[in-house]
Amino acid sequence: MEDKIIELADYFISESTTYREAKIACEKLFRQVSHEIELRAMESKTV
């Protein structure tokens, strides 16, 4: 898992102009992933 974290950090840093921009992009992705997990949890309860 740590390798994936480093890979993601490298990606965000390389795609961003500043470290702050990279952090904001990472936080946005985290919110999207969290939302997807919530949707899947709701789907599994209705099945």
C-alpha atoms as a PDB file:
ATOM      1  CA  MET A   1       0.000   0.000   0.000  1.00  0.00           C
ATOM      2  CA  GLU A   2       2.875   2.370   0.772  1.00  0.00           C
ATOM      3  CA  ASP A   3       4.114   2.015  -2.815  1.00  0.00           C
ATOM      4  CA  LYS A   4       0.715   3.183  -4.094  1.00  0.00           C
ATOM      5  CA  ILE A   5       0.805   6.185  -1.757  1.00  0.00           C
ATOM      6  CA  ILE A   6       4.224   7.210  -3.047  1.00  0.00           C
ATOM      7  CA  GLU A   7       3.081   6.666  -6.634  1.00  0.00           C
ATOM      8  CA  LEU A   8       0.023   8.879  -6.100  1.00  0.00           C
ATOM      9  CA  ALA A   9       2.059  11.574  -4.362  1.00  0.00           C
ATOM     10  CA  ASP A  10       4.553  11.595  -7.220  1.00  0.00           C
ATOM     11  CA  TYR A  11       1.713  11.829  -9.731  1.00  0.00           C
ATOM     12  CA  PHE A  12      -0.014  14.748  -7.999  1.00  0.00           C
ATOM     13  CA  ILE A  13       3.268  16.617  -7.573  1.00  0.00           C
ATOM     14  CA  SER A  14       4.273  16.112 -11.207  1.00  0.00           C
ATOM     15  CA  GLU A  15       0.859  17.249 -12.478  1.00  0.00           C
ATOM     16  CA  SER A  16       0.710  20.346 -10.275  1.00  0.00           C
ATOM     17  CA  THR A  17       2.467  23.689 -10.287  1.00  0.00           C
ATOM     18  CA  THR A  18       2.783  23.875  -6.489  1.00  0.00           C
ATOM     19  CA  TYR A  19       2.709  21.464  -3.583  1.00  0.00           C
ATOM     20  CA  ARG A  20      -0.447  23.214  -2.382  1.00  0.00           C
ATOM     21  CA  GLU A  21      -2.139  22.521  -5.708  1.00  0.00           C
ATOM     22  CA  ALA A  22      -1.039  18.874  -5.476  1.00  0.00           C
ATOM     23  CA  LYS A  23      -2.486  18.596  -1.977  1.00  0.00           C
ATOM     24  CA  ILE A  24      -5.808  20.111  -3.051  1.00  0.00           C
ATOM     25  CA  ALA A  25      -6.034  17.663  -5.966  1.00  0.00           C
ATOM     26  CA  CYS A  26      -5.296  14.785  -3.607  1.00  0.00           C
ATOM     27  CA  GLU A  27      -7.985  15.937  -1.177  1.00  0.00           C
ATOM     28  CA  LYS A  28     -10.490  16.170  -4.042  1.00  0.00           C
ATOM     29  CA  LEU A  29      -9.672  12.609  -5.089  1.00  0.00           C
ATOM     30  CA  PHE A  30     -10.040  11.432  -1.483  1.00  0.00           C
ATOM     31  CA  ARG A  31     -13.542  12.948  -1.311  1.00  0.00           C
ATOM     32  CA  GLN A  32     -14.490  11.254  -4.582  1.00  0.00           C
ATOM     33  CA  VAL A  33     -13.195   7.873  -3.395  1.00  0.00           C
ATOM     34  CA  SER A  34     -14.991   8.282  -0.071  1.00  0.00           C
ATOM     35  CA  HIS A  35     -18.224   9.084  -1.900  1.00  0.00           C
ATOM     36  CA  GLU A  36     -17.830   6.017  -4.121  1.00  0.00           C
ATOM     37  CA  ILE A  37     -17.365   3.817  -1.043  1.00  0.00           C
ATOM     38  CA  GLU A  38     -20.548   5.268   0.478  1.00  0.00           C
ATOM     39  CA  LEU A  39     -22.478   4.576  -2.750  1.00  0.00           C
ATOM     40  CA  ARG A  40     -21.289   0.985  -2.815  1.00  0.00           C
ATOM     41  CA  ALA A  41     -22.229   0.536   0.832  1.00  0.00           C
ATOM     42  CA  MET A  42     -25.748   1.801   0.097  1.00  0.00           C
ATOM     43  CA  GLU A  43     -26.008  -0.494  -2.939  1.00  0.00           C
ATOM     44  CA  SER A  44     -24.968  -3.521  -0.923  1.00  0.00           C
ATOM     45  CA  LYS A  45     -27.651  -2.784   1.678  1.00  0.00           C
ATOM     46  CA  THR A  46     -30.387  -2.681  -0.971  1.00  0.00           C
ATOM     47  CA  VAL A  47     -29.389  -5.914  -2.709  1.00  0.00           C
END
